[in-house]
């Protein structure tokens, strides 16, 4: 009996359930669609790496100037940078599609509920199975008109559509929680809402 008690005390999800007084957000069940995942992953990639597009643009402008001044005549530079950019985007699209097929990533696409409070996020498959994510694991958060996106890495994130939350108060609570954790900036939120 003492051994079971010790295991219980080490499991924060079971402790929280036993305490009963949960002061946070409990969402409805949600399953992340693989197409939605790929679209959100590509959006996140482009949002974080858009500045690299200046290199091919600069090469094309430099070649245009050199061609017009007569210093260097070359036509391949107009085709090579856009092809490299296209191949780079295609590479990541294939990578994100592959993530959806890997066995170790299958839990990301299962139907689960989220329990969110100031200490952690718990992803629950059912009453006994789940995963705990500490706020320190989240690198950045984004808010749009339809959802929150909590980024763990380039290929892992938590998608929380507003339809999962039970009220506008839950949206405001999560918004203020993300700002307190310095994951969501005030400017970024208002800019996303304007779009």
Protein backbone atom coordinates (compact mmCIF):
# COMPACT_ATOMS: atom_id res chain seq x y z
CA UNK A 1 0.00 0.00 0.00
CA UNK A 2 2.84 2.39 0.84
CA UNK A 3 4.46 1.71 -2.54
CA UNK A 4 1.23 2.65 -4.37
CA UNK A 5 0.96 5.83 -2.30
CA UNK A 6 4.52 6.81 -3.24
CA UNK A 7 3.76 6.29 -6.97
CA UNK A 8 0.60 8.35 -6.61
CA UNK A 9 2.47 11.26 -5.05
CA UNK A 10 4.98 11.29 -7.89
CA UNK A 11 2.29 11.55 -10.55
CA UNK A 12 1.16 15.21 -10.79
CA UNK A 13 -1.84 14.38 -13.01
CA UNK A 14 -3.29 12.02 -10.43
CA UNK A 15 -2.60 14.52 -7.64
CA UNK A 16 -4.47 17.21 -9.51
CA UNK A 17 -7.46 14.95 -10.17
CA UNK A 18 -7.61 13.90 -6.53
CA UNK A 19 -7.49 17.47 -5.24
CA UNK A 20 -10.65 18.21 -7.20
CA UNK A 21 -10.25 21.98 -7.09
CA UNK A 22 -8.96 22.72 -10.57
CA UNK A 23 -8.47 26.39 -11.29
CA UNK A 24 -7.88 26.52 -15.01
CA UNK A 25 -9.36 25.62 -18.36
CA UNK A 26 -10.74 22.23 -19.34
CA UNK A 27 -11.37 21.94 -23.06
CA UNK A 28 -13.65 19.74 -25.10
CA UNK A 29 -12.17 16.70 -26.85
CA UNK A 30 -10.15 17.61 -29.93
CA UNK A 31 -8.29 15.71 -32.61
CA UNK A 32 -5.69 17.54 -34.68
CA UNK A 33 -6.27 16.78 -38.35
CA UNK A 34 -3.11 15.90 -40.32
CA UNK A 35 -3.93 18.46 -43.04
CA UNK A 36 -4.43 21.15 -40.38
CA UNK A 37 -1.12 20.13 -38.80
CA UNK A 38 0.77 20.46 -42.10
CA UNK A 39 -0.83 23.84 -42.84
CA UNK A 40 -0.08 25.19 -39.34
CA UNK A 41 3.49 23.83 -39.44
CA UNK A 42 4.13 25.48 -42.82
CA UNK A 43 2.59 28.76 -41.57
CA UNK A 44 4.84 28.63 -38.50
CA UNK A 45 7.91 27.89 -40.64
CA UNK A 46 7.18 30.80 -42.99
CA UNK A 47 6.38 33.10 -40.04
CA UNK A 48 9.73 32.36 -38.39
CA UNK A 49 11.95 32.18 -41.50
CA UNK A 50 10.51 34.77 -43.89
CA UNK A 51 13.64 36.95 -43.70
CA UNK A 52 15.67 34.36 -45.66
CA UNK A 53 13.68 35.37 -48.74
CA UNK A 54 15.80 38.53 -48.94
CA UNK A 55 18.84 36.52 -50.12
CA UNK A 56 17.33 35.32 -53.44
CA UNK A 57 15.71 38.72 -53.99
CA UNK A 58 19.06 40.44 -53.39
CA UNK A 59 20.80 38.05 -55.81
CA UNK A 60 18.22 38.75 -58.52
CA UNK A 61 18.47 42.53 -58.01
CA UNK A 62 22.30 42.38 -58.02
CA UNK A 63 22.26 40.36 -61.25
CA UNK A 64 19.75 42.77 -62.80
CA UNK A 65 22.01 45.72 -61.97
CA UNK A 66 25.08 43.90 -63.33
CA UNK A 67 23.19 42.99 -66.52
CA UNK A 68 21.92 46.53 -67.08
CA UNK A 69 25.35 48.08 -66.51
CA UNK A 70 26.98 45.54 -68.84
CA UNK A 71 29.46 44.23 -66.28
CA UNK A 72 28.19 40.69 -66.18
CA UNK A 73 25.59 39.02 -68.39
CA UNK A 74 23.90 36.03 -66.83
CA UNK A 75 20.39 34.66 -67.15
CA UNK A 76 20.59 31.62 -64.82
CA UNK A 77 20.42 33.75 -61.67
CA UNK A 78 16.80 34.63 -62.46
CA UNK A 79 15.82 30.96 -62.25
CA UNK A 80 18.17 29.44 -59.65
CA UNK A 81 17.17 31.39 -56.48
CA UNK A 82 13.40 30.90 -56.96
CA UNK A 83 14.05 27.19 -57.65
CA UNK A 84 16.11 26.89 -54.45
CA UNK A 85 13.36 28.62 -52.43
CA UNK A 86 10.74 26.32 -53.95
CA UNK A 87 12.85 23.24 -53.16
CA UNK A 88 13.37 24.46 -49.57
CA UNK A 89 9.62 24.92 -49.02
CA UNK A 90 8.92 21.56 -50.67
CA UNK A 91 11.53 19.90 -48.43
CA UNK A 92 9.77 21.14 -45.29
CA UNK A 93 6.34 20.23 -46.63
CA UNK A 94 7.61 16.66 -47.13
CA UNK A 95 9.16 16.67 -43.64
CA UNK A 96 5.92 17.79 -41.99
CA UNK A 97 3.95 15.23 -44.00
CA UNK A 98 6.40 12.58 -42.79
CA UNK A 99 5.85 13.63 -39.18
CA UNK A 100 2.18 12.68 -39.51
CA UNK A 101 3.18 9.15 -40.62
CA UNK A 102 5.72 8.34 -37.89
CA UNK A 103 4.57 5.96 -35.18
CA UNK A 104 6.08 8.01 -32.32
CA UNK A 105 4.03 11.05 -33.41
CA UNK A 106 0.67 9.22 -33.57
CA UNK A 107 -0.37 10.49 -30.09
CA UNK A 108 -0.28 14.06 -31.47
CA UNK A 109 -3.17 13.16 -33.75
CA UNK A 110 -5.36 11.30 -31.25
CA UNK A 111 -8.55 12.69 -29.76
CA UNK A 112 -7.76 14.35 -26.41
CA UNK A 113 -8.74 17.07 -23.97
CA UNK A 114 -6.50 19.81 -22.61
CA UNK A 115 -6.34 20.97 -19.00
CA UNK A 116 -4.54 24.28 -18.78
CA UNK A 117 -3.51 26.09 -15.61
CA UNK A 118 -0.69 28.37 -14.50
CA UNK A 119 1.68 25.44 -13.82
CA UNK A 120 1.25 23.18 -16.83
CA UNK A 121 -0.79 21.87 -19.73
CA UNK A 122 -2.06 18.32 -19.47
CA UNK A 123 -3.00 16.51 -22.68
CA UNK A 124 -5.40 13.70 -21.74
CA UNK A 125 -6.31 10.78 -23.95
CA UNK A 126 -8.61 9.46 -21.20
CA UNK A 127 -8.84 9.54 -17.40
CA UNK A 128 -5.70 7.40 -16.98
CA UNK A 129 -3.50 8.30 -19.96
CA UNK A 130 -2.04 11.69 -20.68
CA UNK A 131 1.03 13.83 -20.99
CA UNK A 132 2.18 16.79 -18.96
CA UNK A 133 3.79 19.80 -20.66
CA UNK A 134 5.47 22.42 -18.49
CA UNK A 135 5.28 26.04 -19.61
CA UNK A 136 9.10 26.12 -19.91
CA UNK A 137 8.85 23.67 -22.84
CA UNK A 138 6.83 26.16 -24.90
CA UNK A 139 9.06 28.48 -26.94
CA UNK A 140 6.47 30.87 -28.42
CA UNK A 141 2.73 31.35 -28.70
CA UNK A 142 0.57 32.91 -31.41
CA UNK A 143 -3.02 34.05 -31.34
CA UNK A 144 -5.20 34.50 -34.41
CA UNK A 145 -8.91 35.10 -34.86
CA UNK A 146 -9.63 31.35 -34.62
CA UNK A 147 -6.99 29.73 -32.40
CA UNK A 148 -3.95 29.75 -30.14
CA UNK A 149 -0.80 28.02 -31.35
CA UNK A 150 1.75 27.03 -28.69
CA UNK A 151 5.06 26.16 -30.37
CA UNK A 152 7.28 23.52 -28.76
CA UNK A 153 9.62 23.07 -31.72
CA UNK A 154 9.61 23.47 -35.49
CA UNK A 155 7.54 20.29 -35.88
CA UNK A 156 5.66 20.14 -32.55
CA UNK A 157 2.98 22.47 -31.29
CA UNK A 158 -0.31 22.56 -29.46
CA UNK A 159 -3.26 23.84 -31.46
CA UNK A 160 -6.12 25.24 -29.37
CA UNK A 161 -9.05 26.45 -31.48
CA UNK A 162 -11.40 28.87 -29.71
CA UNK A 163 -14.23 26.40 -30.34
CA UNK A 164 -12.61 24.05 -27.77
CA UNK A 165 -12.90 26.64 -25.04
CA UNK A 166 -16.22 26.84 -23.25
CA UNK A 167 -16.51 30.63 -23.04
CA UNK A 168 -14.98 33.99 -23.91
CA UNK A 169 -13.63 34.07 -20.34
CA UNK A 170 -11.51 31.00 -21.10
CA UNK A 171 -10.07 32.77 -24.16
CA UNK A 172 -9.23 35.83 -22.05
CA UNK A 173 -7.77 33.64 -19.28
CA UNK A 174 -5.50 31.79 -21.70
CA UNK A 175 -4.54 35.05 -23.39
CA UNK A 176 -3.54 36.66 -20.07
CA UNK A 177 -1.76 33.47 -18.95
CA UNK A 178 0.35 33.41 -22.13
CA UNK A 179 1.20 37.09 -21.68
CA UNK A 180 2.20 36.51 -18.04
CA UNK A 181 4.46 33.67 -19.16
CA UNK A 182 5.92 36.07 -21.78
CA UNK A 183 5.02 33.71 -24.61
CA UNK A 184 2.52 36.01 -26.29
CA UNK A 185 3.38 39.63 -26.95
CA UNK A 186 0.77 42.39 -26.74
CA UNK A 187 1.69 43.78 -30.18
CA UNK A 188 1.61 40.36 -31.80
CA UNK A 189 -1.87 39.65 -30.45
CA UNK A 190 -3.43 42.85 -31.75
CA UNK A 191 -1.69 42.48 -35.13
CA UNK A 192 -3.06 38.94 -35.51
CA UNK A 193 -6.56 40.09 -34.61
CA UNK A 194 -6.52 42.81 -37.26
CA UNK A 195 -5.84 40.26 -40.05
